[in-house]
Amino acid sequence: MDPRAAAALLDDLADRGWPAAVRERQGGWILRAADGVTRRANSALPVGPVDEPDAALDAVEGFARRHGIDACVQVSPASEPADLPARLAARGYVAEARTLVQVADAGEVAGRLADAAPADPALEVTLADAPDVAWLDAWWSVDGRGGSAELAVARRILEGGPAVYAAVRDGDRVLATARLALVDGWGGLFAVATRPEARRRGLSRAAMAAAVDAGRERGITALWLQVVEENAGARALYAGLGFRAASRYEYWTRPADA
């Protein structure tokens, strides 16, 4: 698969694996909003051509104003038109959060995680089709931005499509989480998180192992995930599991005073 086709596929998988509550079409672009919770769910995704790119950007900005979010465009090698970054820069947008999209064979990753069970026999690894309160509390304590209202929005995003939720539990308390979105034979790893006091015990690996095994039982053969380019530690971890970079993207955001 050529790089642009791979980028287009991964853009689509990630969009469906982390679905925004509000979606509108502007030609070949998807406008997304979810009360400002997560950039992916609150950005435009240029998945196809538009007749007038500047008019499409006007629509992005109008959509953002109506929904009370920043005007933001997710740009990857598949984005159209090809000069979109230059057009965004000319309007005052700033690129940030450069992210790598990595892929791997599900069987290979499962093999490399085969010994990932928690060493502590008091800990239990569980699986579910939806996140419970303890899972959400653990994930949000690590990755969350906001309070209970934002968490409620995030929960709707999580539950917007089929997924497997893995947790490493110490009694009623969740110490580590992983979510595997299930999309057309692919599994997307999201929400891999461990509470600070429980780190360096391999618990994220245990959660990922359980999620990947459950996904394979449901027919997934390939995996994808996103990792911020500057996060060298996470990149090394995922490389050790067999992931390799297949695409990239960044968010172009228009400052309020631009």
C-alpha atoms as a PDB file:
ATOM      1  CA  MET A   1       0.000   0.000   0.000  1.00  0.00           C
ATOM      2  CA  ASP A   2       1.402   3.389  -0.964  1.00  0.00           C
ATOM      3  CA  PRO A   3       1.985   5.934   1.835  1.00  0.00           C
ATOM      4  CA  ARG A   4      -0.942   8.161   0.925  1.00  0.00           C
ATOM      5  CA  ALA A   5      -3.386   5.247   0.797  1.00  0.00           C
ATOM      6  CA  ALA A   6      -2.056   3.983   4.121  1.00  0.00           C
ATOM      7  CA  ALA A   7      -2.523   7.429   5.654  1.00  0.00           C
ATOM      8  CA  ALA A   8      -6.092   7.629   4.335  1.00  0.00           C
ATOM      9  CA  LEU A   9      -6.923   4.203   5.770  1.00  0.00           C
ATOM     10  CA  LEU A  10      -5.466   5.057   9.160  1.00  0.00           C
ATOM     11  CA  ASP A  11      -7.226   8.431   9.238  1.00  0.00           C
ATOM     12  CA  ASP A  12     -10.520   6.611   8.672  1.00  0.00           C
ATOM     13  CA  LEU A  13      -9.844   3.887  11.238  1.00  0.00           C
ATOM     14  CA  ALA A  14      -8.897   6.382  13.932  1.00  0.00           C
ATOM     15  CA  ASP A  15     -11.912   8.562  13.181  1.00  0.00           C
ATOM     16  CA  ARG A  16     -14.233   5.579  13.567  1.00  0.00           C
ATOM     17  CA  GLY A  17     -12.376   4.265  16.602  1.00  0.00           C
ATOM     18  CA  TRP A  18     -12.756   7.580  18.466  1.00  0.00           C
ATOM     19  CA  PRO A  19     -16.055   8.965  17.134  1.00  0.00           C
ATOM     20  CA  ALA A  20     -17.139  12.541  17.740  1.00  0.00           C
ATOM     21  CA  ALA A  21     -20.643  13.202  19.020  1.00  0.00           C
ATOM     22  CA  VAL A  22     -21.348  15.790  16.305  1.00  0.00           C
ATOM     23  CA  ARG A  23     -20.320  15.240  12.696  1.00  0.00           C
ATOM     24  CA  GLU A  24     -21.029  17.288   9.600  1.00  0.00           C
ATOM     25  CA  ARG A  25     -19.835  16.952   6.020  1.00  0.00           C
ATOM     26  CA  GLN A  26     -18.276  19.831   4.110  1.00  0.00           C
ATOM     27  CA  GLY A  27     -17.586  18.257   0.744  1.00  0.00           C
ATOM     28  CA  GLY A  28     -14.816  15.745   1.357  1.00  0.00           C
ATOM     29  CA  TRP A  29     -14.096  17.036   4.853  1.00  0.00           C
ATOM     30  CA  ILE A  30     -15.603  15.833   8.126  1.00  0.00           C
ATOM     31  CA  LEU A  31     -16.257  18.501  10.771  1.00  0.00           C
ATOM     32  CA  ARG A  32     -16.290  17.079  14.308  1.00  0.00           C
ATOM     33  CA  ALA A  33     -17.249  18.399  17.729  1.00  0.00           C
ATOM     34  CA  ALA A  34     -17.569  16.952  21.227  1.00  0.00           C
ATOM     35  CA  ASP A  35     -17.712  19.879  23.639  1.00  0.00           C
ATOM     36  CA  GLY A  36     -13.959  20.408  23.354  1.00  0.00           C
ATOM     37  CA  VAL A  37     -13.062  17.003  24.820  1.00  0.00           C
ATOM     38  CA  THR A  38     -10.014  15.604  22.947  1.00  0.00           C
ATOM     39  CA  ARG A  39      -8.570  17.187  19.830  1.00  0.00           C
ATOM     40  CA  ARG A  40      -9.467  14.284  17.557  1.00  0.00           C
ATOM     41  CA  ALA A  41     -13.162  14.648  18.320  1.00  0.00           C
ATOM     42  CA  ASN A  42     -13.015  18.446  17.943  1.00  0.00           C
ATOM     43  CA  SER A  43     -11.193  18.931  14.658  1.00  0.00           C
ATOM     44  CA  ALA A  44     -11.877  18.843  10.951  1.00  0.00           C
ATOM     45  CA  LEU A  45     -10.638  15.793   9.047  1.00  0.00           C
ATOM     46  CA  PRO A  46      -9.916  16.475   5.342  1.00  0.00           C
ATOM     47  CA  VAL A  47     -10.572  12.986   3.961  1.00  0.00           C
ATOM     48  CA  GLY A  48     -11.416  14.056   0.413  1.00  0.00           C
ATOM     49  CA  PRO A  49     -11.469  16.977  -1.998  1.00  0.00           C
ATOM     50  CA  VAL A  50     -13.478  20.169  -1.634  1.00  0.00           C
ATOM     51  CA  ASP A  51     -14.411  22.533  -4.455  1.00  0.00           C
ATOM     52  CA  GLU A  52     -13.202  25.664  -2.672  1.00  0.00           C
ATOM     53  CA  PRO A  53     -10.617  25.068   0.084  1.00  0.00           C
ATOM     54  CA  ASP A  54     -10.897  28.593   1.478  1.00  0.00           C
ATOM     55  CA  ALA A  55     -14.676  28.266   1.665  1.00  0.00           C
ATOM     56  CA  ALA A  56     -14.222  24.923   3.419  1.00  0.00           C
ATOM     57  CA  LEU A  57     -11.962  26.599   5.975  1.00  0.00           C
ATOM     58  CA  ASP A  58     -14.585  29.303   6.459  1.00  0.00           C
ATOM     59  CA  ALA A  59     -17.030  26.477   7.195  1.00  0.00           C
ATOM     60  CA  VAL A  60     -14.596  24.902   9.677  1.00  0.00           C
ATOM     61  CA  GLU A  61     -14.331  28.193  11.537  1.00  0.00           C
ATOM     62  CA  GLY A  62     -18.081  28.774  11.528  1.00  0.00           C
ATOM     63  CA  PHE A  63     -18.695  25.234  12.785  1.00  0.00           C
ATOM     64  CA  ALA A  64     -16.151  25.793  15.564  1.00  0.00           C
ATOM     65  CA  ARG A  65     -17.840  29.022  16.654  1.00  0.00           C
ATOM     66  CA  ARG A  66     -21.270  27.361  16.747  1.00  0.00           C
ATOM     67  CA  HIS A  67     -19.970  24.558  18.941  1.00  0.00           C
ATOM     68  CA  GLY A  68     -17.767  26.662  21.190  1.00  0.00           C
ATOM     69  CA  ILE A  69     -14.486  24.993  20.225  1.00  0.00           C
ATOM     70  CA  ASP A  70     -11.219  26.152  18.683  1.00  0.00           C
ATOM     71  CA  ALA A  71     -10.961  25.972  14.905  1.00  0.00           C
ATOM     72  CA  CYS A  72      -8.683  22.983  14.342  1.00  0.00           C
ATOM     73  CA  VAL A  73      -7.748  20.812  11.357  1.00  0.00           C
ATOM     74  CA  GLN A  74      -6.090  17.401  11.562  1.00  0.00           C
ATOM     75  CA  VAL A  75      -3.576  17.180   8.701  1.00  0.00           C
ATOM     76  CA  SER A  76      -1.967  13.957   7.456  1.00  0.00           C
ATOM     77  CA  PRO A  77      -0.266  12.874   4.202  1.00  0.00           C
ATOM     78  CA  ALA A  78      -3.739  11.976   2.900  1.00  0.00           C
ATOM     79  CA  SER A  79      -5.251  15.426   3.495  1.00  0.00           C
ATOM     80  CA  GLU A  80      -6.550  17.396   0.532  1.00  0.00           C
ATOM     81  CA  PRO A  81      -5.633  19.774  -0.984  1.00  0.00           C
ATOM     82  CA  ALA A  82      -1.875  19.173  -0.972  1.00  0.00           C
ATOM     83  CA  ASP A  83      -1.193  22.817  -0.121  1.00  0.00           C
ATOM     84  CA  LEU A  84      -3.481  22.723   2.917  1.00  0.00           C
ATOM     85  CA  PRO A  85      -0.666  23.431   5.435  1.00  0.00           C
ATOM     86  CA  ALA A  86       0.300  26.590   3.533  1.00  0.00           C
ATOM     87  CA  ARG A  87      -3.331  27.716   3.414  1.00  0.00           C
ATOM     88  CA  LEU A  88      -3.703  27.132   7.145  1.00  0.00           C
ATOM     89  CA  ALA A  89      -0.509  29.004   7.952  1.00  0.00           C
ATOM     90  CA  ALA A  90      -1.689  31.954   5.864  1.00  0.00           C
ATOM     91  CA  ARG A  91      -4.832  32.141   8.014  1.00  0.00           C
ATOM     92  CA  GLY A  92      -2.867  32.158  11.261  1.00  0.00           C
ATOM     93  CA  TYR A  93      -3.154  28.475  12.172  1.00  0.00           C
ATOM     94  CA  VAL A  94      -0.293  26.913  14.130  1.00  0.00           C
ATOM     95  CA  ALA A  95       0.828  23.274  13.826  1.00  0.00           C
ATOM     96  CA  GLU A  96       1.249  21.306  17.039  1.00  0.00           C
ATOM     97  CA  ALA A  97       1.116  17.825  18.559  1.00  0.00           C
ATOM     98  CA  ARG A  98       2.914  16.018  15.732  1.00  0.00           C
ATOM     99  CA  THR A  99       1.874  12.402  16.142  1.00  0.00           C
ATOM    100  CA  LEU A 100       3.023   9.126  14.599  1.00  0.00           C
ATOM    101  CA  VAL A 101       0.524   6.448  13.627  1.00  0.00           C
ATOM    102  CA  GLN A 102       2.039   3.016  14.119  1.00  0.00           C
ATOM    103  CA  VAL A 103       0.826  -0.387  12.960  1.00  0.00           C
ATOM    104  CA  ALA A 104       1.631  -3.988  13.813  1.00  0.00           C
ATOM    105  CA  ASP A 105       0.516  -7.538  13.218  1.00  0.00           C
ATOM    106  CA  ALA A 106      -1.829  -8.530  16.031  1.00  0.00           C
ATOM    107  CA  GLY A 107      -0.356 -12.012  16.344  1.00  0.00           C
ATOM    108  CA  GLU A 108       3.176 -10.669  16.638  1.00  0.00           C
ATOM    109  CA  VAL A 109       2.173  -8.211  19.359  1.00  0.00           C
ATOM    110  CA  ALA A 110       0.288 -10.920  21.240  1.00  0.00           C
ATOM    111  CA  GLY A 111       3.378 -13.109  21.122  1.00  0.00           C
ATOM    112  CA  ARG A 112       5.601 -10.362  22.504  1.00  0.00           C
ATOM    113  CA  LEU A 113       3.095  -9.768  25.313  1.00  0.00           C
ATOM    114  CA  ALA A 114       2.628 -13.441  26.141  1.00  0.00           C
ATOM    115  CA  ASP A 115       4.422 -13.111  29.492  1.00  0.00           C
ATOM    116  CA  ALA A 116       2.744  -9.851  30.502  1.00  0.00           C
ATOM    117  CA  ALA A 117       0.514 -11.114  33.327  1.00  0.00           C
ATOM    118  CA  PRO A 118       0.915  -9.144  36.599  1.00  0.00           C
ATOM    119  CA  ALA A 119       3.549 -10.612  38.914  1.00  0.00           C
ATOM    120  CA  ASP A 120       1.408  -9.814  41.962  1.00  0.00           C
ATOM    121  CA  PRO A 121      -1.179 -12.613  42.417  1.00  0.00           C
ATOM    122  CA  ALA A 122      -3.482 -10.187  44.222  1.00  0.00           C
ATOM    123  CA  LEU A 123      -4.074  -8.285  40.977  1.00  0.00           C
ATOM    124  CA  GLU A 124      -6.765  -9.319  38.511  1.00  0.00           C
ATOM    125  CA  VAL A 125      -6.996  -8.560  34.790  1.00  0.00           C
ATOM    126  CA  THR A 126     -10.572  -8.101  33.581  1.00  0.00           C
ATOM    127  CA  LEU A 127     -12.262  -7.504  30.228  1.00  0.00           C
ATOM    128  CA  ALA A 128     -15.539  -5.795  29.383  1.00  0.00           C
ATOM    129  CA  ASP A 129     -17.419  -4.391  26.402  1.00  0.00           C
ATOM    130  CA  ALA A 130     -17.980  -1.049  28.158  1.00  0.00           C
ATOM    131  CA  PRO A 131     -16.027   0.972  30.713  1.00  0.00           C
ATOM    132  CA  ASP A 132     -17.240   0.891  34.303  1.00  0.00           C
ATOM    133  CA  VAL A 133     -16.824   3.705  36.818  1.00  0.00           C
ATOM    134  CA  ALA A 134     -13.558   2.319  38.218  1.00  0.00           C
ATOM    135  CA  TRP A 135     -12.039   2.004  34.715  1.00  0.00           C
ATOM    136  CA  LEU A 136     -13.057   5.544  33.846  1.00  0.00           C
ATOM    137  CA  ASP A 137     -11.717   6.905  37.123  1.00  0.00           C
ATOM    138  CA  ALA A 138      -8.302   5.324  36.560  1.00  0.00           C
ATOM    139  CA  TRP A 139      -7.998   6.434  32.942  1.00  0.00           C
ATOM    140  CA  TRP A 140      -9.249   9.972  33.604  1.00  0.00           C
ATOM    141  CA  SER A 141      -6.899  10.388  36.570  1.00  0.00           C
ATOM    142  CA  VAL A 142      -3.985   9.917  34.140  1.00  0.00           C
ATOM    143  CA  ASP A 143      -5.186  11.286  30.787  1.00  0.00           C
ATOM    144  CA  GLY A 144      -8.213  13.397  31.643  1.00  0.00           C
ATOM    145  CA  ARG A 145      -8.494  17.132  31.175  1.00  0.00           C
ATOM    146  CA  GLY A 146     -11.439  18.546  33.041  1.00  0.00           C
ATOM    147  CA  GLY A 147     -14.011  17.443  35.556  1.00  0.00           C
ATOM    148  CA  SER A 148     -17.117  15.293  35.639  1.00  0.00           C
ATOM    149  CA  ALA A 149     -18.825  17.063  32.722  1.00  0.00           C
ATOM    150  CA  GLU A 150     -15.836  16.470  30.449  1.00  0.00           C
ATOM    151  CA  LEU A 151     -15.584  12.866  31.612  1.00  0.00           C
ATOM    152  CA  ALA A 152     -19.227  12.313  30.674  1.00  0.00           C
ATOM    153  CA  VAL A 153     -18.463  13.555  27.157  1.00  0.00           C
ATOM    154  CA  ALA A 154     -15.388  11.333  26.983  1.00  0.00           C
ATOM    155  CA  ARG A 155     -17.471   8.348  28.007  1.00  0.00           C
ATOM    156  CA  ARG A 156     -19.861   8.980  25.120  1.00  0.00           C
ATOM    157  CA  ILE A 157     -16.882   9.065  22.752  1.00  0.00           C
ATOM    158  CA  LEU A 158     -15.541   5.809  24.161  1.00  0.00           C
ATOM    159  CA  GLU A 159     -18.907   4.094  23.842  1.00  0.00           C
ATOM    160  CA  GLY A 160     -19.537   5.420  20.333  1.00  0.00           C
ATOM    161  CA  GLY A 161     -18.249   2.231  18.714  1.00  0.00           C
ATOM    162  CA  PRO A 162     -17.419  -1.386  19.574  1.00  0.00           C
ATOM    163  CA  ALA A 163     -14.378  -1.854  21.782  1.00  0.00           C
ATOM    164  CA  VAL A 164     -12.792  -4.043  24.435  1.00  0.00           C
ATOM    165  CA  TYR A 165     -11.871  -2.539  27.812  1.00  0.00           C
ATOM    166  CA  ALA A 166      -9.075  -4.171  29.781  1.00  0.00           C
ATOM    167  CA  ALA A 167      -8.299  -3.328  33.393  1.00  0.00           C
ATOM    168  CA  VAL A 168      -5.758  -4.416  35.973  1.00  0.00           C
ATOM    169  CA  ARG A 169      -7.568  -4.334  39.304  1.00  0.00           C
ATOM    170  CA  ASP A 170      -6.521  -4.353  42.918  1.00  0.00           C
ATOM    171  CA  GLY A 171      -9.829  -5.186  44.520  1.00  0.00           C
ATOM    172  CA  ASP A 172     -12.324  -2.489  43.550  1.00  0.00           C
ATOM    173  CA  ARG A 173      -9.622  -0.122  42.309  1.00  0.00           C
ATOM    174  CA  VAL A 174      -8.333  -0.086  38.730  1.00  0.00           C
ATOM    175  CA  LEU A 175      -4.589   0.502  38.438  1.00  0.00           C
ATOM    176  CA  ALA A 176      -4.119   0.272  34.659  1.00  0.00           C
ATOM    177  CA  THR A 177      -6.332   0.491  31.586  1.00  0.00           C
ATOM    178  CA  ALA A 178      -6.345  -0.216  27.864  1.00  0.00           C
ATOM    179  CA  ARG A 179      -9.072   0.185  25.252  1.00  0.00           C
ATOM    180  CA  LEU A 180      -9.055  -1.662  21.934  1.00  0.00           C
ATOM    181  CA  ALA A 181     -11.402  -0.165  19.339  1.00  0.00           C
ATOM    182  CA  LEU A 182     -12.691  -2.780  16.880  1.00  0.00           C
ATOM    183  CA  VAL A 183     -12.953  -1.502  13.295  1.00  0.00           C
ATOM    184  CA  ASP A 184     -13.095  -3.727  10.200  1.00  0.00           C
ATOM    185  CA  GLY A 185     -10.627  -6.349  11.378  1.00  0.00           C
ATOM    186  CA  TRP A 186      -8.318  -3.753  12.911  1.00  0.00           C
ATOM    187  CA  GLY A 187      -7.789  -3.017  16.586  1.00  0.00           C
ATOM    188  CA  GLY A 188      -6.943   0.499  17.729  1.00  0.00           C
ATOM    189  CA  LEU A 189      -5.157   0.852  21.063  1.00  0.00           C
ATOM    190  CA  PHE A 190      -6.347   3.849  23.061  1.00  0.00           C
ATOM    191  CA  ALA A 191      -6.411   4.876  26.728  1.00  0.00           C
ATOM    192  CA  VAL A 192      -3.329   2.892  27.728  1.00  0.00           C
ATOM    193  CA  ALA A 193      -2.750   4.346  31.183  1.00  0.00           C
ATOM    194  CA  THR A 194      -1.346   3.412  34.580  1.00  0.00           C
ATOM    195  CA  ARG A 195      -1.792   5.283  37.836  1.00  0.00           C
ATOM    196  CA  PRO A 196       1.508   6.934  38.857  1.00  0.00           C
ATOM    197  CA  GLU A 197       1.865   4.921  42.046  1.00  0.00           C
ATOM    198  CA  ALA A 198       1.478   1.633  40.127  1.00  0.00           C
ATOM    199  CA  ARG A 199       4.040   2.242  37.372  1.00  0.00           C
ATOM    200  CA  ARG A 200       7.154   0.183  36.585  1.00  0.00           C
ATOM    201  CA  ARG A 201       5.296  -3.027  37.372  1.00  0.00           C
ATOM    202  CA  GLY A 202       4.338  -3.978  33.815  1.00  0.00           C
ATOM    203  CA  LEU A 203       0.646  -3.302  34.358  1.00  0.00           C
ATOM    204  CA  SER A 204       0.095  -1.434  31.084  1.00  0.00           C
ATOM    205  CA  ARG A 205       1.613  -4.400  29.257  1.00  0.00           C
ATOM    206  CA  ALA A 206      -0.777  -6.705  31.095  1.00  0.00           C
ATOM    207  CA  ALA A 207      -3.768  -4.568  30.131  1.00  0.00           C
ATOM    208  CA  MET A 208      -2.654  -4.362  26.496  1.00  0.00           C
ATOM    209  CA  ALA A 209      -2.036  -8.110  26.362  1.00  0.00           C
ATOM    210  CA  ALA A 210      -5.544  -8.859  27.576  1.00  0.00           C
ATOM    211  CA  ALA A 211      -7.109  -6.381  25.151  1.00  0.00           C
ATOM    212  CA  VAL A 212      -5.148  -7.690  22.160  1.00  0.00           C
ATOM    213  CA  ASP A 213      -5.944 -11.320  22.980  1.00  0.00           C
ATOM    214  CA  ALA A 214      -9.636 -10.459  23.274  1.00  0.00           C
ATOM    215  CA  GLY A 215      -9.500  -8.583  19.986  1.00  0.00           C
ATOM    216  CA  ARG A 216      -7.919 -11.528  18.202  1.00  0.00           C
ATOM    217  CA  GLU A 217     -10.724 -13.734  19.482  1.00  0.00           C
ATOM    218  CA  ARG A 218     -13.084 -11.305  17.744  1.00  0.00           C
ATOM    219  CA  GLY A 219     -11.247 -11.480  14.455  1.00  0.00           C
ATOM    220  CA  ILE A 220      -8.767  -8.607  14.438  1.00  0.00           C
ATOM    221  CA  THR A 221      -5.534  -9.280  12.572  1.00  0.00           C
ATOM    222  CA  ALA A 222      -3.808  -5.878  12.663  1.00  0.00           C
ATOM    223  CA  LEU A 223      -3.325  -3.107  15.206  1.00  0.00           C
ATOM    224  CA  TRP A 224      -2.802   0.620  15.111  1.00  0.00           C
ATOM    225  CA  LEU A 225      -2.035   3.255  17.703  1.00  0.00           C
ATOM    226  CA  GLN A 226      -1.013   6.898  17.927  1.00  0.00           C
ATOM    227  CA  VAL A 227       2.039   8.161  19.794  1.00  0.00           C
ATOM    228  CA  VAL A 228       3.260  11.752  20.099  1.00  0.00           C
ATOM    229  CA  GLU A 229       6.501  12.013  18.142  1.00  0.00           C
ATOM    230  CA  GLU A 230       8.481  13.563  21.009  1.00  0.00           C
ATOM    231  CA  ASN A 231       7.518  10.775  23.449  1.00  0.00           C
ATOM    232  CA  ALA A 232      10.680   8.711  23.013  1.00  0.00           C
ATOM    233  CA  GLY A 233       9.837   6.360  25.876  1.00  0.00           C
ATOM    234  CA  ALA A 234       6.471   5.347  24.453  1.00  0.00           C
ATOM    235  CA  ARG A 235       7.938   4.968  20.977  1.00  0.00           C
ATOM    236  CA  ALA A 236      10.594   2.604  22.316  1.00  0.00           C
ATOM    237  CA  LEU A 237       7.969   0.588  24.192  1.00  0.00           C
ATOM    238  CA  TYR A 238       5.805   0.144  21.118  1.00  0.00           C
ATOM    239  CA  ALA A 239       8.776  -0.616  18.855  1.00  0.00           C
ATOM    240  CA  GLY A 240       9.610  -3.438  21.240  1.00  0.00           C
ATOM    241  CA  LEU A 241       6.133  -4.838  20.675  1.00  0.00           C
ATOM    242  CA  GLY A 242       6.535  -4.833  16.888  1.00  0.00           C
ATOM    243  CA  PHE A 243       4.889  -1.523  15.968  1.00  0.00           C
ATOM    244  CA  ARG A 244       6.308   0.525  13.097  1.00  0.00           C
ATOM    245  CA  ALA A 245       5.429   3.994  11.844  1.00  0.00           C
ATOM    246  CA  ALA A 246       3.013   3.997   8.894  1.00  0.00           C
ATOM    247  CA  SER A 247       1.675   7.564   8.893  1.00  0.00           C
ATOM    248  CA  ARG A 248       1.642  10.796  10.852  1.00  0.00           C
ATOM    249  CA  TYR A 249      -0.560  13.786  11.511  1.00  0.00           C
ATOM    250  CA  GLU A 250      -0.571  17.075  13.328  1.00  0.00           C
ATOM    251  CA  TYR A 251      -3.234  19.480  14.495  1.00  0.00           C
ATOM    252  CA  TRP A 252      -3.380  22.956  13.010  1.00  0.00           C
ATOM    253  CA  THR A 253      -5.196  25.238  15.447  1.00  0.00           C
ATOM    254  CA  ARG A 254      -6.243  28.832  14.916  1.00  0.00           C
ATOM    255  CA  PRO A 255      -5.500  30.959  17.989  1.00  0.00           C
ATOM    256  CA  ALA A 256      -8.454  32.962  19.267  1.00  0.00           C
ATOM    257  CA  ASP A 257      -6.737  36.242  18.368  1.00  0.00           C
ATOM    258  CA  ALA A 258      -5.677  35.196  14.842  1.00  0.00           C
END
